Amino acid sequence: MRLLFIGPPGAGKGTQAQRVAGRLGIAHISTGDMFRAHVANGTELGKKVDAIMRAGEYVPDEITVAMLAERIAEPDAEAGFILDGFPRTAGQAEALDELLGDDGLDRVVVFEVDEDELVKRLLARGRADDTEETIRTRFRVYQEQTQPLLDFYEARDITVRVNGIGDVEEITDRILAALNAR
């Protein structure tokens, strides 16, 4: 099974991706983790990514897709995977299609968490850059940038929406039930 988890910052995508991947026996592939691993290992791609991130810029899609191509070729991804962090835009989804083929993803799990709950969760983390104003701005940016991506996958009828509020185990069960219902 090939899945993509989408949701706003603080929705619990990373936590749930790890849990669901473990339950399904598939790989959890986080682009952030891929970037950090390549940088730490000093690979050619890692050197490029490090220079780009140090300059405060976004890693170009072609580099991300190249890393992803390497990652999904690893043995643990043969049975399937959950993508966490990529794609974030319709353009990136098209690049992913080039890599996987048009029918490359089985399901896209969309985490639904209201803005006030996200503010509460992210303020509880206690990070200096997590103010209520910045959290609400990030939520609006997420909504604006992600809607075209959701439209892209909804046109394929592969999205499932999951309420991301509640106990961690309860949310995991909701995700698994939603995947089984399709």
Foldseek 3Di string as FASTA:
>chain_A
DAEEEDEFPQLCRVVLQVVLCVVVQAAEDELVVLQVVCLVVVPPLNVVSVVQVVVVHDDDLVSSLVSVLVVCVDPRCPVYYYYYHPDLAVVRVVVVCVSQNPPRHQAYEYEDDDQVVSLVSQVVVVDPCNDSVVSVVSNVVSVVRRPNVVVVVVVVVRYDYFHSDDDSVVRSVRVVVRVVVD
